[in-house]
């Protein structure tokens, strides 16, 4: 069998990758970026750095023949996207299997192999923190005895070596723990660095978190109302910093059964404000009240290129909404907007070509 031309394979991979990137990221402001959960910095072990020199590949003017299999990939993307357009992006179904959406601030510890054997991992209660939450750090070590354990925090934005906080870690049942109380100047990405001695050697592992002074605070919810085919939930906020906000929250039945991921966006001024979340009737159809909303992710979007996303928090983990008669909502079908239809048309065209 003749092996495929490497350049053709590269071209296929590039086109599918670009189409996939465009498909998942070219979304309206209200679309929940389910695949774009803020990445955690993987724990790493400190070691001498080595510098490598990379050369840029030369670009040649060549026309490659694209095999039919590429159109099949676009066809799958088009079918998947068409299926999504049967429901509005601001109200997407949620199940118990959607763990990354039910726990969007979950920190995933990763084990790091140590020098001379053994492994260690940093364990944190969450990835993103809001002032005045303390940062509680735990070190778990396997296969090696360690001593003189301490943890320090350092800003990843500030190039200086200034330490934001440092504490000795106390041992209990094979685990080491420390609590670092918050300071108002903690803001932005922070490196969490744990240093210890093992077999006569000093070793360091590190990971990253996000810390911010809340740009806004969720203070409660207003009266839920019916509006066409949507259940409308007014969410009340106290805004510290004006700007364009996006709010995501999970809608549940009172017993905890997940129903939908709701997303709303609004440009807000400083002071008291509201963002409306909407639950579409087709998503609510198989559920009954009482309802509640929880698991809030409140973002102040960057105003200019290079500016960091800032976050808010909620005074409560959840808010009860009470009963709501789903049957009072209209049965009108959802109509995709022009941008969504253009996106679908592009994928379908690529599938035909």
Protein backbone atom coordinates (compact mmCIF):
# COMPACT_ATOMS: atom_id res chain seq x y z
CA UNK A 1 0.00 0.00 0.00
CA UNK A 2 1.30 3.40 -0.94
CA UNK A 3 1.99 5.57 2.09
CA UNK A 4 0.18 8.98 2.15
CA UNK A 5 2.23 12.03 1.31
CA UNK A 6 3.32 13.68 4.59
CA UNK A 7 2.56 17.13 3.19
CA UNK A 8 -1.00 16.08 2.33
CA UNK A 9 -1.50 14.66 5.82
CA UNK A 10 -0.18 17.87 7.33
CA UNK A 11 -2.54 19.92 5.18
CA UNK A 12 -5.52 17.79 6.25
CA UNK A 13 -4.59 18.09 9.90
CA UNK A 14 -4.14 21.85 9.60
CA UNK A 15 -7.47 22.42 7.87
CA UNK A 16 -9.44 20.22 10.25
CA UNK A 17 -7.70 21.86 13.20
CA UNK A 18 -8.48 25.35 11.92
CA UNK A 19 -12.08 24.45 11.21
CA UNK A 20 -12.47 22.88 14.63
CA UNK A 21 -10.90 25.91 16.29
CA UNK A 22 -13.15 28.26 14.33
CA UNK A 23 -16.20 26.14 15.07
CA UNK A 24 -15.67 26.03 18.82
CA UNK A 25 -14.37 29.58 19.35
CA UNK A 26 -16.29 31.72 16.86
CA UNK A 27 -19.34 32.01 19.06
CA UNK A 28 -21.66 34.83 20.09
CA UNK A 29 -20.93 36.52 23.40
CA UNK A 30 -23.69 34.61 25.17
CA UNK A 31 -22.53 31.16 24.13
CA UNK A 32 -21.02 29.24 27.09
CA UNK A 33 -17.49 28.23 26.18
CA UNK A 34 -17.88 24.71 27.49
CA UNK A 35 -14.60 23.62 26.01
CA UNK A 36 -12.66 26.61 27.20
CA UNK A 37 -12.33 26.01 30.91
CA UNK A 38 -9.39 28.04 32.21
CA UNK A 39 -6.34 25.73 32.01
CA UNK A 40 -4.43 24.90 35.17
CA UNK A 41 -0.69 25.15 35.19
CA UNK A 42 0.66 21.62 35.48
CA UNK A 43 2.77 20.94 38.56
CA UNK A 44 6.44 20.90 37.66
CA UNK A 45 9.69 20.12 39.37
CA UNK A 46 12.37 22.81 39.47
CA UNK A 47 15.54 21.86 37.63
CA UNK A 48 18.31 23.59 35.65
CA UNK A 49 16.97 25.02 32.42
CA UNK A 50 18.40 24.24 29.01
CA UNK A 51 18.04 26.54 26.02
CA UNK A 52 17.07 25.15 22.67
CA UNK A 53 17.21 26.96 19.37
CA UNK A 54 14.34 26.43 16.95
CA UNK A 55 14.52 27.27 13.28
CA UNK A 56 11.46 28.38 11.36
CA UNK A 57 10.43 25.98 8.59
CA UNK A 58 10.61 27.37 5.07
CA UNK A 59 7.27 27.91 3.36
CA UNK A 60 7.02 26.73 -0.23
CA UNK A 61 4.39 27.72 -2.75
CA UNK A 62 2.76 24.36 -3.40
CA UNK A 63 -0.78 23.23 -4.19
CA UNK A 64 -1.70 19.96 -2.52
CA UNK A 65 -4.56 17.70 -3.46
CA UNK A 66 -7.01 17.31 -0.55
CA UNK A 67 -8.45 13.78 -0.31
CA UNK A 68 -12.19 13.23 0.10
CA UNK A 69 -11.78 12.24 3.77
CA UNK A 70 -11.42 15.92 4.68
CA UNK A 71 -14.95 16.63 3.46
CA UNK A 72 -16.19 13.82 5.70
CA UNK A 73 -14.64 15.56 8.71
CA UNK A 74 -16.39 18.81 7.82
CA UNK A 75 -19.61 16.88 7.32
CA UNK A 76 -19.40 15.54 10.89
CA UNK A 77 -18.72 19.05 12.21
CA UNK A 78 -21.67 20.43 10.24
CA UNK A 79 -24.04 17.73 11.53
CA UNK A 80 -22.94 18.28 15.13
CA UNK A 81 -23.32 22.04 14.85
CA UNK A 82 -26.74 21.76 13.18
CA UNK A 83 -27.88 19.58 16.08
CA UNK A 84 -26.72 22.23 18.58
CA UNK A 85 -28.66 24.95 16.78
CA UNK A 86 -31.97 23.35 17.78
CA UNK A 87 -31.48 24.96 21.21
CA UNK A 88 -30.32 28.47 22.18
CA UNK A 89 -26.73 28.77 23.38
CA UNK A 90 -27.87 30.60 26.53
CA UNK A 91 -29.74 27.51 27.80
CA UNK A 92 -27.95 24.20 27.20
CA UNK A 93 -29.00 20.85 28.72
CA UNK A 94 -26.94 19.65 31.67
CA UNK A 95 -26.60 16.13 33.08
CA UNK A 96 -24.79 14.49 35.97
CA UNK A 97 -22.11 13.34 33.49
CA UNK A 98 -21.09 16.94 32.71
CA UNK A 99 -18.64 17.06 35.62
CA UNK A 100 -16.50 19.87 34.16
CA UNK A 101 -19.59 22.11 33.99
CA UNK A 102 -20.95 21.08 37.36
CA UNK A 103 -17.55 21.81 38.93
CA UNK A 104 -15.97 24.51 36.73
CA UNK A 105 -13.59 25.66 39.48
CA UNK A 106 -12.28 22.21 40.29
CA UNK A 107 -8.51 21.87 40.75
CA UNK A 108 -7.05 18.67 39.29
CA UNK A 109 -3.91 17.58 41.20
CA UNK A 110 -1.17 15.94 39.16
CA UNK A 111 1.59 13.72 40.46
CA UNK A 112 5.21 14.76 39.83
CA UNK A 113 8.10 12.29 39.89
CA UNK A 114 10.85 13.34 42.30
CA UNK A 115 14.61 12.99 42.12
CA UNK A 116 15.84 9.67 43.56
CA UNK A 117 12.36 8.10 43.44
CA UNK A 118 8.98 8.84 44.94
CA UNK A 119 6.31 11.23 43.77
CA UNK A 120 4.52 14.30 45.09
CA UNK A 121 1.43 16.33 44.24
CA UNK A 122 0.03 19.68 45.30
CA UNK A 123 -3.66 19.52 46.25
CA UNK A 124 -5.83 22.65 46.32
CA UNK A 125 -9.56 23.07 47.13
CA UNK A 126 -10.13 25.00 43.87
CA UNK A 127 -8.33 26.67 40.99
CA UNK A 128 -9.77 30.21 41.11
CA UNK A 129 -9.94 32.25 44.33
CA UNK A 130 -11.62 35.56 45.23
CA UNK A 131 -10.54 37.89 48.01
CA UNK A 132 -10.74 37.30 51.00
CA UNK A 133 -10.65 33.51 50.50
CA UNK A 134 -7.56 31.87 52.06
CA UNK A 135 -5.39 29.58 49.96
CA UNK A 136 -5.13 26.19 51.66
CA UNK A 137 -2.31 24.09 50.21
CA UNK A 138 -1.74 20.39 50.79
CA UNK A 139 1.33 18.35 49.78
CA UNK A 140 0.95 14.60 49.29
CA UNK A 141 4.18 12.60 49.01
CA UNK A 142 4.49 8.90 48.15
CA UNK A 143 7.54 6.65 48.40
CA UNK A 144 9.82 9.11 50.16
CA UNK A 145 10.20 10.82 53.54
CA UNK A 146 10.40 14.62 53.41
CA UNK A 147 11.29 17.35 55.93
CA UNK A 148 11.44 21.15 56.14
CA UNK A 149 8.35 21.66 54.00
CA UNK A 150 7.16 25.19 53.19
CA UNK A 151 4.93 26.87 50.62
CA UNK A 152 5.25 30.29 48.98
CA UNK A 153 3.14 32.33 46.58
CA UNK A 154 4.62 34.46 43.80
CA UNK A 155 2.90 36.64 41.20
CA UNK A 156 3.31 35.37 37.64
CA UNK A 157 2.74 38.89 36.27
CA UNK A 158 5.46 40.56 38.32
CA UNK A 159 8.92 39.63 37.07
CA UNK A 160 10.51 40.44 40.43
CA UNK A 161 11.11 37.72 43.01
CA UNK A 162 8.82 39.33 45.58
CA UNK A 163 7.00 36.71 47.65
CA UNK A 164 3.26 37.35 48.19
CA UNK A 165 3.08 34.94 51.10
CA UNK A 166 5.02 32.11 52.74
CA UNK A 167 4.19 29.51 55.39
CA UNK A 168 5.74 26.39 56.90
CA UNK A 169 3.63 23.30 56.23
CA UNK A 170 2.55 21.07 59.10
CA UNK A 171 2.52 17.29 58.87
CA UNK A 172 -0.50 15.14 59.68
CA UNK A 173 -0.99 11.49 58.66
CA UNK A 174 1.56 11.65 55.88
CA UNK A 175 0.23 14.91 54.40
CA UNK A 176 1.55 18.44 54.74
CA UNK A 177 -0.82 21.40 54.99
CA UNK A 178 -0.60 25.19 55.24
CA UNK A 179 -3.08 28.06 55.14
CA UNK A 180 -2.14 31.40 53.57
CA UNK A 181 -4.50 34.24 54.46
CA UNK A 182 -5.37 36.62 51.66
CA UNK A 183 -3.99 40.09 51.03
CA UNK A 184 -5.71 42.74 48.92
CA UNK A 185 -2.72 43.01 46.57
CA UNK A 186 -3.13 39.40 45.45
CA UNK A 187 -4.43 39.79 41.92
CA UNK A 188 -3.95 37.74 38.77
CA UNK A 189 -2.14 34.44 38.09
CA UNK A 190 -0.11 33.18 41.06
CA UNK A 191 2.52 30.46 41.27
CA UNK A 192 2.19 28.09 44.24
CA UNK A 193 5.65 26.74 45.08
CA UNK A 194 6.28 23.97 47.62
CA UNK A 195 9.86 23.33 48.75
CA UNK A 196 11.09 20.41 50.87
CA UNK A 197 14.14 18.29 51.67
CA UNK A 198 14.32 14.61 50.71
CA UNK A 199 17.34 12.32 50.90
CA UNK A 200 19.53 15.29 51.64
CA UNK A 201 18.41 17.24 48.59
CA UNK A 202 16.23 20.32 48.39
CA UNK A 203 13.42 19.93 45.89
CA UNK A 204 10.64 22.22 44.66
CA UNK A 205 7.39 21.54 42.84
CA UNK A 206 4.98 24.21 41.67
CA UNK A 207 1.57 24.80 40.16
CA UNK A 208 -0.61 27.80 39.34
CA UNK A 209 -3.86 29.39 40.51
CA UNK A 210 -5.92 32.51 39.72
CA UNK A 211 -6.59 35.06 42.46
CA UNK A 212 -8.57 38.30 42.15
CA UNK A 213 -10.32 41.00 44.08
CA UNK A 214 -14.01 40.55 43.09
CA UNK A 215 -15.01 42.84 40.23
CA UNK A 216 -18.65 42.25 41.19
CA UNK A 217 -20.67 40.26 43.73
CA UNK A 218 -23.87 38.28 43.18
CA UNK A 219 -26.22 39.35 45.98
CA UNK A 220 -29.48 37.55 45.15
CA UNK A 221 -32.17 36.83 42.58
CA UNK A 222 -35.35 38.70 41.66
CA UNK A 223 -38.79 37.33 40.86
CA UNK A 224 -38.75 34.64 38.17
CA UNK A 225 -41.10 35.36 35.26
CA UNK A 226 -42.27 33.87 31.95
CA UNK A 227 -41.26 35.58 28.72
CA UNK A 228 -42.30 33.77 25.55
CA UNK A 229 -40.61 30.37 25.59
CA UNK A 230 -38.17 31.32 28.37
CA UNK A 231 -38.16 31.26 32.15
CA UNK A 232 -36.33 34.50 33.01
CA UNK A 233 -34.21 34.72 36.18
CA UNK A 234 -33.00 38.22 37.15
CA UNK A 235 -29.68 37.91 39.01
CA UNK A 236 -28.80 40.89 41.22
CA UNK A 237 -25.24 42.17 41.48
CA UNK A 238 -23.19 44.80 43.27
CA UNK A 239 -20.67 45.97 40.64
CA UNK A 240 -17.30 47.33 41.77
CA UNK A 241 -15.79 47.76 38.30
CA UNK A 242 -17.85 48.76 35.26
CA UNK A 243 -17.51 46.75 32.06
CA UNK A 244 -18.85 43.89 29.97
CA UNK A 245 -19.82 40.92 32.16
CA UNK A 246 -20.70 37.32 31.43
CA UNK A 247 -22.47 35.15 33.99
CA UNK A 248 -22.80 31.38 33.88
CA UNK A 249 -24.82 29.36 36.37
CA UNK A 250 -26.29 25.89 36.63
CA UNK A 251 -30.03 25.41 36.97
CA UNK A 252 -31.08 22.51 39.21
CA UNK A 253 -34.19 21.01 40.66
CA UNK A 254 -34.39 21.54 44.41
CA UNK A 255 -33.19 17.96 44.96
CA UNK A 256 -29.95 18.71 43.08
CA UNK A 257 -30.85 17.19 39.71
CA UNK A 258 -29.00 19.26 37.06
CA UNK A 259 -31.14 20.75 34.29
CA UNK A 260 -29.28 23.38 32.27
CA UNK A 261 -26.23 25.58 31.96
CA UNK A 262 -27.48 29.17 31.69
CA UNK A 263 -25.45 32.06 30.29
CA UNK A 264 -26.14 35.77 30.20
CA UNK A 265 -24.07 38.81 29.22
CA UNK A 266 -24.51 42.51 29.90
CA UNK A 267 -22.57 45.75 29.96
CA UNK A 268 -22.83 46.99 33.55
CA UNK A 269 -22.12 50.26 35.30
CA UNK A 270 -20.75 50.52 38.82
CA UNK A 271 -23.36 50.05 41.54
CA UNK A 272 -26.48 47.89 41.71
CA UNK A 273 -27.21 45.95 38.51
CA UNK A 274 -28.86 42.85 37.03
CA UNK A 275 -28.00 40.15 34.51
CA UNK A 276 -30.89 38.05 33.22
CA UNK A 277 -30.48 34.29 32.80
CA UNK A 278 -33.00 32.45 30.62
CA UNK A 279 -34.04 28.77 30.62
CA UNK A 280 -35.65 27.60 27.36
CA UNK A 281 -38.87 25.60 27.60
CA UNK A 282 -37.57 22.59 25.63
CA UNK A 283 -34.80 22.21 28.22
CA UNK A 284 -37.25 22.51 31.13
CA UNK A 285 -39.94 20.24 29.62
CA UNK A 286 -39.06 17.08 31.56
CA UNK A 287 -38.52 18.85 34.89
CA UNK A 288 -40.66 20.42 37.57
CA UNK A 289 -40.02 22.84 40.43
CA UNK A 290 -39.03 23.98 42.86
CA UNK A 291 -35.84 25.14 41.17
CA UNK A 292 -32.52 26.69 42.25
CA UNK A 293 -29.40 28.11 40.58
CA UNK A 294 -25.83 27.46 41.70
CA UNK A 295 -22.19 27.14 40.57
CA UNK A 296 -21.67 30.71 39.42
CA UNK A 297 -18.88 31.87 37.13
CA UNK A 298 -18.96 35.67 36.86
CA UNK A 299 -16.42 37.20 34.46
CA UNK A 300 -15.50 40.79 33.64
CA UNK A 301 -14.34 40.45 30.05
CA UNK A 302 -11.13 42.20 28.89
CA UNK A 303 -11.77 45.70 27.59
CA UNK A 304 -8.58 45.91 25.50
CA UNK A 305 -6.16 43.32 24.05
CA UNK A 306 -3.74 42.03 26.67
CA UNK A 307 -6.00 42.85 29.59
CA UNK A 308 -6.76 39.97 31.95
CA UNK A 309 -10.22 38.55 32.56
CA UNK A 310 -11.34 39.48 36.07
CA UNK A 311 -13.82 37.54 38.18
CA UNK A 312 -16.59 38.11 40.66
CA UNK A 313 -18.13 35.87 43.26
CA UNK A 314 -21.44 35.11 44.95
CA UNK A 315 -22.54 35.80 48.50
CA UNK A 316 -24.19 32.36 48.52
CA UNK A 317 -23.36 29.05 46.86
CA UNK A 318 -26.94 28.78 45.55
CA UNK A 319 -30.25 30.66 45.44
CA UNK A 320 -33.71 29.10 45.62
CA UNK A 321 -36.12 30.09 42.83
CA UNK A 322 -39.24 28.37 44.15
CA UNK A 323 -41.91 26.79 41.95
CA UNK A 324 -42.51 27.77 38.34
CA UNK A 325 -45.24 26.55 35.97
CA UNK A 326 -43.29 25.43 32.91
CA UNK A 327 -46.51 24.87 30.95
CA UNK A 328 -47.16 28.64 30.83
CA UNK A 329 -44.23 29.06 28.42
CA UNK A 330 -44.96 29.20 24.69
CA UNK A 331 -43.97 26.40 22.30
CA UNK A 332 -42.30 28.54 19.64
CA UNK A 333 -39.19 26.99 18.14
CA UNK A 334 -35.78 28.49 18.62
CA UNK A 335 -34.44 30.39 15.59
CA UNK A 336 -30.63 30.63 15.18
CA UNK A 337 -29.27 34.10 14.51
CA UNK A 338 -27.58 35.18 11.28
CA UNK A 339 -24.05 34.57 12.59
CA UNK A 340 -24.89 31.01 13.63
CA UNK A 341 -26.53 30.28 10.26
CA UNK A 342 -23.48 31.63 8.42
CA UNK A 343 -21.25 29.39 10.50
CA UNK A 344 -23.39 26.36 9.65
CA UNK A 345 -23.42 27.30 5.95
CA UNK A 346 -19.62 27.49 5.94
CA UNK A 347 -19.26 24.00 7.45
CA UNK A 348 -21.80 22.55 5.02
CA UNK A 349 -20.02 24.16 2.07
CA UNK A 350 -16.67 22.71 3.19
CA UNK A 351 -18.32 19.31 3.51
CA UNK A 352 -19.56 19.50 -0.12
CA UNK A 353 -16.32 20.80 -1.65
